[in-house]
PDB file of N, CA and C in Angstrom:
ATOM      1  N   MET A   1       0.818  -1.186   0.000  1.00  0.00           N
ATOM      2  CA  MET A   1       0.000   0.000   0.000  1.00  0.00           C
ATOM      3  C   MET A   1       0.869   1.259   0.000  1.00  0.00           C
ATOM      4  N   LYS A   2       1.975   1.197   0.768  1.00  0.00           N
ATOM      5  CA  LYS A   2       2.881   2.345   0.842  1.00  0.00           C
ATOM      6  C   LYS A   2       3.460   2.649  -0.541  1.00  0.00           C
ATOM      7  N   TYR A   3       3.835   1.645  -1.298  1.00  0.00           N
ATOM      8  CA  TYR A   3       4.408   1.835  -2.624  1.00  0.00           C
ATOM      9  C   TYR A   3       3.384   2.388  -3.610  1.00  0.00           C
ATOM     10  N   LEU A   4       2.152   1.997  -3.465  1.00  0.00           N
ATOM     11  CA  LEU A   4       1.094   2.509  -4.316  1.00  0.00           C
ATOM     12  C   LEU A   4       0.903   4.006  -4.084  1.00  0.00           C
ATOM     13  N   LEU A   5       0.962   4.434  -2.854  1.00  0.00           N
ATOM     14  CA  LEU A   5       0.825   5.844  -2.526  1.00  0.00           C
ATOM     15  C   LEU A   5       2.014   6.649  -3.081  1.00  0.00           C
ATOM     16  N   VAL A   6       3.222   6.135  -2.925  1.00  0.00           N
ATOM     17  CA  VAL A   6       4.408   6.807  -3.469  1.00  0.00           C
ATOM     18  C   VAL A   6       4.303   6.879  -4.989  1.00  0.00           C
ATOM     19  N   PHE A   7       3.899   5.810  -5.638  1.00  0.00           N
ATOM     20  CA  PHE A   7       3.728   5.799  -7.081  1.00  0.00           C
ATOM     21  C   PHE A   7       2.707   6.839  -7.517  1.00  0.00           C
ATOM     22  N   ALA A   8       1.598   6.950  -6.806  1.00  0.00           N
ATOM     23  CA  ALA A   8       0.557   7.925  -7.146  1.00  0.00           C
ATOM     24  C   ALA A   8       1.073   9.352  -7.011  1.00  0.00           C
ATOM     25  N   VAL A   9       1.824   9.641  -5.970  1.00  0.00           N
ATOM     26  CA  VAL A   9       2.367  10.993  -5.775  1.00  0.00           C
ATOM     27  C   VAL A   9       3.367  11.331  -6.879  1.00  0.00           C
ATOM     28  N   VAL A  10       4.241  10.400  -7.215  1.00  0.00           N
ATOM     29  CA  VAL A  10       5.215  10.631  -8.281  1.00  0.00           C
ATOM     30  C   VAL A  10       4.499  10.809  -9.621  1.00  0.00           C
ATOM     31  N   PHE A  11       3.504   9.995  -9.891  1.00  0.00           N
ATOM     32  CA  PHE A  11       2.746  10.093 -11.136  1.00  0.00           C
ATOM     33  C   PHE A  11       2.085  11.461 -11.253  1.00  0.00           C
ATOM     34  N   ILE A  12       1.447  11.939 -10.199  1.00  0.00           N
ATOM     35  CA  ILE A  12       0.771  13.244 -10.225  1.00  0.00           C
ATOM     36  C   ILE A  12       1.795  14.361 -10.396  1.00  0.00           C
ATOM     37  N   ALA A  13       2.933  14.260  -9.740  1.00  0.00           N
ATOM     38  CA  ALA A  13       3.967  15.291  -9.866  1.00  0.00           C
ATOM     39  C   ALA A  13       4.487  15.363 -11.309  1.00  0.00           C
ATOM     40  N   VAL A  14       4.738  14.234 -11.921  1.00  0.00           N
ATOM     41  CA  VAL A  14       5.216  14.216 -13.303  1.00  0.00           C
ATOM     42  C   VAL A  14       4.147  14.742 -14.239  1.00  0.00           C
ATOM     43  N   TRP A  15       2.906  14.368 -14.014  1.00  0.00           N
ATOM     44  CA  TRP A  15       1.803  14.833 -14.858  1.00  0.00           C
ATOM     45  C   TRP A  15       1.664  16.357 -14.782  1.00  0.00           C
ATOM     46  N   LEU A  16       1.725  16.920 -13.596  1.00  0.00           N
ATOM     47  CA  LEU A  16       1.629  18.382 -13.434  1.00  0.00           C
ATOM     48  C   LEU A  16       2.820  19.087 -14.088  1.00  0.00           C
ATOM     49  N   TRP A  17       4.005  18.533 -13.920  1.00  0.00           N
ATOM     50  CA  TRP A  17       5.187  19.140 -14.519  1.00  0.00           C
ATOM     51  C   TRP A  17       5.085  19.167 -16.047  1.00  0.00           C
ATOM     52  N   ARG A  18       4.663  18.038 -16.633  1.00  0.00           N
ATOM     53  CA  ARG A  18       4.524  17.967 -18.092  1.00  0.00           C
ATOM     54  C   ARG A  18       3.427  18.895 -18.594  1.00  0.00           C
ATOM     55  N   LYS A  19       2.343  19.030 -17.849  1.00  0.00           N
ATOM     56  CA  LYS A  19       1.247  19.915 -18.232  1.00  0.00           C
ATOM     57  C   LYS A  19       1.733  21.361 -18.257  1.00  0.00           C
ATOM     58  N   ASN A  20       2.491  21.759 -17.246  1.00  0.00           N
ATOM     59  CA  ASN A  20       3.015  23.122 -17.213  1.00  0.00           C
ATOM     60  C   ASN A  20       4.008  23.370 -18.343  1.00  0.00           C
ATOM     61  N   ARG A  21       4.843  22.388 -18.634  1.00  0.00           N
ATOM     62  CA  ARG A  21       5.791  22.536 -19.729  1.00  0.00           C
ATOM     63  C   ARG A  21       5.070  22.674 -21.067  1.00  0.00           C
ATOM     64  N   ARG A  22       4.014  21.899 -21.256  1.00  0.00           N
ATOM     65  CA  ARG A  22       3.249  21.949 -22.501  1.00  0.00           C
ATOM     66  C   ARG A  22       2.619  23.330 -22.672  1.00  0.00           C
ATOM     67  N   GLU A  23       2.046  23.884 -21.608  1.00  0.00           N
ATOM     68  CA  GLU A  23       1.438  25.209 -21.681  1.00  0.00           C
ATOM     69  C   GLU A  23       2.495  26.283 -21.936  1.00  0.00           C
ATOM     70  N   GLU A  24       3.656  26.121 -21.337  1.00  0.00           N
ATOM     71  CA  GLU A  24       4.745  27.079 -21.533  1.00  0.00           C
ATOM     72  C   GLU A  24       5.219  27.063 -22.984  1.00  0.00           C
ATOM     73  N   MET A  25       5.329  25.888 -23.567  1.00  0.00           N
ATOM     74  CA  MET A  25       5.782  25.781 -24.950  1.00  0.00           C
ATOM     75  C   MET A  25       4.757  26.376 -25.917  1.00  0.00           C
ATOM     76  N   GLN A  26       3.478  26.246 -25.622  1.00  0.00           N
ATOM     77  CA  GLN A  26       2.449  26.791 -26.496  1.00  0.00           C
ATOM     78  C   GLN A  26       2.383  28.308 -26.406  1.00  0.00           C
ATOM     79  N   SER A  27       2.745  28.887 -25.263  1.00  0.00           N
ATOM     80  CA  SER A  27       2.663  30.334 -25.109  1.00  0.00           C
ATOM     81  C   SER A  27       3.873  31.052 -25.705  1.00  0.00           C
ATOM     82  N   ARG A  28       4.950  30.344 -26.003  1.00  0.00           N
ATOM     83  CA  ARG A  28       6.139  30.959 -26.594  1.00  0.00           C
ATOM     84  C   ARG A  28       5.884  31.286 -28.062  1.00  0.00           C
ATOM     85  N   PRO A  29       6.504  32.376 -28.547  1.00  0.00           N
ATOM     86  CA  PRO A  29       6.401  32.646 -29.990  1.00  0.00           C
ATOM     87  C   PRO A  29       7.210  31.614 -30.764  1.00  0.00           C
ATOM     88  N   PRO A  30       6.865  31.364 -32.011  1.00  0.00           N
ATOM     89  CA  PRO A  30       7.625  30.381 -32.801  1.00  0.00           C
ATOM     90  C   PRO A  30       9.054  30.867 -32.998  1.00  0.00           C
ATOM     91  N   PRO A  31      10.009  29.951 -33.147  1.00  0.00           N
ATOM     92  CA  PRO A  31      11.409  30.355 -33.328  1.00  0.00           C
ATOM     93  C   PRO A  31      11.592  31.145 -34.621  1.00  0.00           C
ATOM     94  N   GLN A  32      12.529  32.084 -34.600  1.00  0.00           N
ATOM     95  CA  GLN A  32      12.811  32.912 -35.767  1.00  0.00           C
ATOM     96  C   GLN A  32      13.566  32.089 -36.815  1.00  0.00           C
ATOM     97  N   LYS A  33      13.259  32.358 -38.065  1.00  0.00           N
ATOM     98  CA  LYS A  33      13.968  31.689 -39.150  1.00  0.00           C
ATOM     99  C   LYS A  33      15.332  32.359 -39.310  1.00  0.00           C
ATOM    100  N   PRO A  34      16.349  31.602 -39.668  1.00  0.00           N
ATOM    101  CA  PRO A  34      17.659  32.219 -39.890  1.00  0.00           C
ATOM    102  C   PRO A  34      17.592  33.149 -41.101  1.00  0.00           C
ATOM    103  N   PRO A  35      18.435  34.168 -41.148  1.00  0.00           N
ATOM    104  CA  PRO A  35      18.392  35.086 -42.287  1.00  0.00           C
ATOM    105  C   PRO A  35      18.698  34.353 -43.585  1.00  0.00           C
ATOM    106  N   ALA A  36      18.031  34.782 -44.615  1.00  0.00           N
ATOM    107  CA  ALA A  36      18.216  34.145 -45.926  1.00  0.00           C
ATOM    108  C   ALA A  36      19.602  34.487 -46.471  1.00  0.00           C
ATOM    109  N   VAL A  37      20.206  33.536 -47.099  1.00  0.00           N
ATOM    110  CA  VAL A  37      21.522  33.726 -47.700  1.00  0.00           C
ATOM    111  C   VAL A  37      21.307  34.186 -49.128  1.00  0.00           C
ATOM    112  N   GLY A  38      22.044  35.210 -49.524  1.00  0.00           N
ATOM    113  CA  GLY A  38      21.912  35.746 -50.877  1.00  0.00           C
ATOM    114  C   GLY A  38      22.431  34.788 -51.928  1.00  0.00           C
ATOM    115  N   ALA A  39      22.172  35.145 -53.148  1.00  0.00           N
ATOM    116  CA  ALA A  39      22.629  34.328 -54.276  1.00  0.00           C
ATOM    117  C   ALA A  39      24.152  34.401 -54.374  1.00  0.00           C
ATOM    118  N   PRO A  40      24.789  33.368 -54.885  1.00  0.00           N
ATOM    119  CA  PRO A  40      26.248  33.398 -55.045  1.00  0.00           C
ATOM    120  C   PRO A  40      26.666  34.518 -55.998  1.00  0.00           C
ATOM    121  N   GLN A  41      27.805  35.094 -55.716  1.00  0.00           N
ATOM    122  CA  GLN A  41      28.325  36.166 -56.557  1.00  0.00           C
ATOM    123  C   GLN A  41      29.519  35.663 -57.363  1.00  0.00           C
ATOM    124  N   ALA A  42      29.711  36.293 -58.503  1.00  0.00           N
ATOM    125  CA  ALA A  42      30.866  35.949 -59.333  1.00  0.00           C
ATOM    126  C   ALA A  42      32.131  36.451 -58.646  1.00  0.00           C
ATOM    127  N   MET A  43      33.172  35.644 -58.679  1.00  0.00           N
ATOM    128  CA  MET A  43      34.440  36.002 -58.057  1.00  0.00           C
ATOM    129  C   MET A  43      35.448  36.336 -59.157  1.00  0.00           C
ATOM    130  N   VAL A  44      36.275  37.349 -58.889  1.00  0.00           N
ATOM    131  CA  VAL A  44      37.330  37.731 -59.828  1.00  0.00           C
ATOM    132  C   VAL A  44      38.656  37.755 -59.077  1.00  0.00           C
ATOM    133  N   ARG A  45      39.730  37.777 -59.824  1.00  0.00           N
ATOM    134  CA  ARG A  45      41.061  37.743 -59.223  1.00  0.00           C
ATOM    135  C   ARG A  45      41.765  39.069 -59.473  1.00  0.00           C
ATOM    136  N   CYS A  46      42.361  39.621 -58.434  1.00  0.00           N
ATOM    137  CA  CYS A  46      43.110  40.870 -58.556  1.00  0.00           C
ATOM    138  C   CYS A  46      44.304  40.634 -59.483  1.00  0.00           C
ATOM    139  N   ALA A  47      44.483  41.532 -60.435  1.00  0.00           N
ATOM    140  CA  ALA A  47      45.573  41.388 -61.404  1.00  0.00           C
ATOM    141  C   ALA A  47      46.933  41.660 -60.771  1.00  0.00           C
ATOM    142  N   HIS A  48      46.964  42.308 -59.620  1.00  0.00           N
ATOM    143  CA  HIS A  48      48.251  42.653 -58.986  1.00  0.00           C
ATOM    144  C   HIS A  48      48.683  41.599 -57.959  1.00  0.00           C
ATOM    145  N   CYS A  49      47.783  41.259 -57.022  1.00  0.00           N
ATOM    146  CA  CYS A  49      48.186  40.360 -55.921  1.00  0.00           C
ATOM    147  C   CYS A  49      47.564  38.975 -55.994  1.00  0.00           C
ATOM    148  N   GLY A  50      46.558  38.775 -56.848  1.00  0.00           N
ATOM    149  CA  GLY A  50      45.955  37.458 -56.993  1.00  0.00           C
ATOM    150  C   GLY A  50      44.835  37.162 -56.003  1.00  0.00           C
ATOM    151  N   LEU A  51      44.437  38.147 -55.208  1.00  0.00           N
ATOM    152  CA  LEU A  51      43.355  37.956 -54.239  1.00  0.00           C
ATOM    153  C   LEU A  51      42.025  37.755 -54.963  1.00  0.00           C
ATOM    154  N   HIS A  52      41.254  36.761 -54.532  1.00  0.00           N
ATOM    155  CA  HIS A  52      39.922  36.550 -55.090  1.00  0.00           C
ATOM    156  C   HIS A  52      38.924  37.365 -54.287  1.00  0.00           C
ATOM    157  N   LEU A  53      38.055  38.106 -54.988  1.00  0.00           N
ATOM    158  CA  LEU A  53      37.056  38.932 -54.330  1.00  0.00           C
ATOM    159  C   LEU A  53      35.797  38.977 -55.187  1.00  0.00           C
ATOM    160  N   PRO A  54      34.646  39.345 -54.577  1.00  0.00           N
ATOM    161  CA  PRO A  54      33.416  39.436 -55.366  1.00  0.00           C
ATOM    162  C   PRO A  54      33.547  40.497 -56.455  1.00  0.00           C
ATOM    163  N   ALA A  55      32.938  40.234 -57.590  1.00  0.00           N
ATOM    164  CA  ALA A  55      33.026  41.161 -58.718  1.00  0.00           C
ATOM    165  C   ALA A  55      32.421  42.521 -58.368  1.00  0.00           C
ATOM    166  N   ALA A  56      31.436  42.549 -57.475  1.00  0.00           N
ATOM    167  CA  ALA A  56      30.811  43.811 -57.088  1.00  0.00           C
ATOM    168  C   ALA A  56      31.781  44.695 -56.311  1.00  0.00           C
ATOM    169  N   ASP A  57      32.773  44.120 -55.628  1.00  0.00           N
ATOM    170  CA  ASP A  57      33.737  44.887 -54.836  1.00  0.00           C
ATOM    171  C   ASP A  57      35.005  45.214 -55.618  1.00  0.00           C
ATOM    172  N   ALA A  58      35.156  44.685 -56.801  1.00  0.00           N
ATOM    173  CA  ALA A  58      36.382  44.866 -57.574  1.00  0.00           C
ATOM    174  C   ALA A  58      36.426  46.257 -58.194  1.00  0.00           C
ATOM    175  N   ILE A  59      37.635  46.746 -58.426  1.00  0.00           N
ATOM    176  CA  ILE A  59      37.864  48.046 -59.064  1.00  0.00           C
ATOM    177  C   ILE A  59      38.400  47.773 -60.459  1.00  0.00           C
ATOM    178  N   ALA A  60      37.712  48.324 -61.442  1.00  0.00           N
ATOM    179  CA  ALA A  60      38.100  48.085 -62.831  1.00  0.00           C
ATOM    180  C   ALA A  60      39.332  48.897 -63.176  1.00  0.00           C
ATOM    181  N   GLY A  61      40.184  48.297 -63.981  1.00  0.00           N
ATOM    182  CA  GLY A  61      41.403  48.962 -64.429  1.00  0.00           C
ATOM    183  C   GLY A  61      41.473  48.974 -65.937  1.00  0.00           C
ATOM    184  N   PRO A  62      42.593  49.410 -66.468  1.00  0.00           N
ATOM    185  CA  PRO A  62      42.739  49.439 -67.923  1.00  0.00           C
ATOM    186  C   PRO A  62      42.787  48.022 -68.509  1.00  0.00           C
ATOM    187  N   ASP A  63      42.355  47.919 -69.725  1.00  0.00           N
ATOM    188  CA  ASP A  63      42.385  46.660 -70.485  1.00  0.00           C
ATOM    189  C   ASP A  63      41.546  45.561 -69.844  1.00  0.00           C
ATOM    190  N   GLY A  64      40.506  45.937 -69.106  1.00  0.00           N
ATOM    191  CA  GLY A  64      39.599  44.950 -68.528  1.00  0.00           C
ATOM    192  C   GLY A  64      40.136  44.243 -67.298  1.00  0.00           C
ATOM    193  N   ALA A  65      41.266  44.657 -66.778  1.00  0.00           N
ATOM    194  CA  ALA A  65      41.823  44.045 -65.567  1.00  0.00           C
ATOM    195  C   ALA A  65      41.036  44.536 -64.360  1.00  0.00           C
ATOM    196  N   VAL A  66      40.989  43.715 -63.331  1.00  0.00           N
ATOM    197  CA  VAL A  66      40.304  44.106 -62.094  1.00  0.00           C
ATOM    198  C   VAL A  66      41.297  44.051 -60.947  1.00  0.00           C
ATOM    199  N   PHE A  67      41.058  44.925 -59.965  1.00  0.00           N
ATOM    200  CA  PHE A  67      41.956  45.045 -58.823  1.00  0.00           C
ATOM    201  C   PHE A  67      41.148  45.063 -57.532  1.00  0.00           C
ATOM    202  N   CYS A  68      41.837  44.722 -56.427  1.00  0.00           N
ATOM    203  CA  CYS A  68      41.158  44.674 -55.128  1.00  0.00           C
ATOM    204  C   CYS A  68      41.167  46.027 -54.427  1.00  0.00           C
ATOM    205  N   SER A  69      42.049  46.936 -54.832  1.00  0.00           N
ATOM    206  CA  SER A  69      42.107  48.255 -54.200  1.00  0.00           C
ATOM    207  C   SER A  69      42.641  49.277 -55.201  1.00  0.00           C
ATOM    208  N   VAL A  70      42.455  50.540 -54.843  1.00  0.00           N
ATOM    209  CA  VAL A  70      42.957  51.615 -55.694  1.00  0.00           C
ATOM    210  C   VAL A  70      44.479  51.591 -55.723  1.00  0.00           C
ATOM    211  N   ALA A  71      45.095  51.260 -54.598  1.00  0.00           N
ATOM    212  CA  ALA A  71      46.560  51.203 -54.539  1.00  0.00           C
ATOM    213  C   ALA A  71      47.112  50.161 -55.505  1.00  0.00           C
ATOM    214  N   HIS A  72      46.478  49.027 -55.621  1.00  0.00           N
ATOM    215  CA  HIS A  72      46.952  48.001 -56.551  1.00  0.00           C
ATOM    216  C   HIS A  72      46.715  48.426 -58.006  1.00  0.00           C
ATOM    217  N   ARG A  73      45.630  49.151 -58.235  1.00  0.00           N
ATOM    218  CA  ARG A  73      45.389  49.644 -59.614  1.00  0.00           C
ATOM    219  C   ARG A  73      46.468  50.656 -59.997  1.00  0.00           C
ATOM    220  N   GLN A  74      46.817  51.523 -59.039  1.00  0.00           N
ATOM    221  CA  GLN A  74      47.867  52.515 -59.317  1.00  0.00           C
ATOM    222  C   GLN A  74      49.231  51.852 -59.471  1.00  0.00           C
ATOM    223  N   ALA A  75      49.503  50.827 -58.666  1.00  0.00           N
ATOM    224  CA  ALA A  75      50.786  50.127 -58.759  1.00  0.00           C
ATOM    225  C   ALA A  75      50.929  49.416 -60.096  1.00  0.00           C
ATOM    226  N   ALA A  76      49.851  48.907 -60.633  1.00  0.00           N
ATOM    227  CA  ALA A  76      49.905  48.190 -61.902  1.00  0.00           C
ATOM    228  C   ALA A  76      50.080  49.154 -63.076  1.00  0.00           C
ATOM    229  N   SER A  77      49.633  50.391 -62.919  1.00  0.00           N
ATOM    230  CA  SER A  77      49.733  51.341 -64.030  1.00  0.00           C
ATOM    231  C   SER A  77      51.122  51.952 -64.128  1.00  0.00           C
ATOM    232  N   ARG A  78      51.976  51.751 -63.147  1.00  0.00           N
ATOM    233  CA  ARG A  78      53.341  52.317 -63.176  1.00  0.00           C
ATOM    234  C   ARG A  78      54.251  51.519 -64.041  1.00  0.00           C
TER     235      ARG A  78
END
């Protein structure tokens, strides 16, 4: 009889705990989606140092060459 009473108390405690957890989970807002990743960009190589960088960040030089910075464009023109 003693074990039955202990079992009943443990069962009720677990049931109440799970009920509270379920209500807590339902009241939370849904998790945020991770930020969307943009489309891949074309990569180009600096004509002076060989660094690969996105074409949108590249600096155009003479004869269709691209550079990673103004300093490298000036160094190549010397």
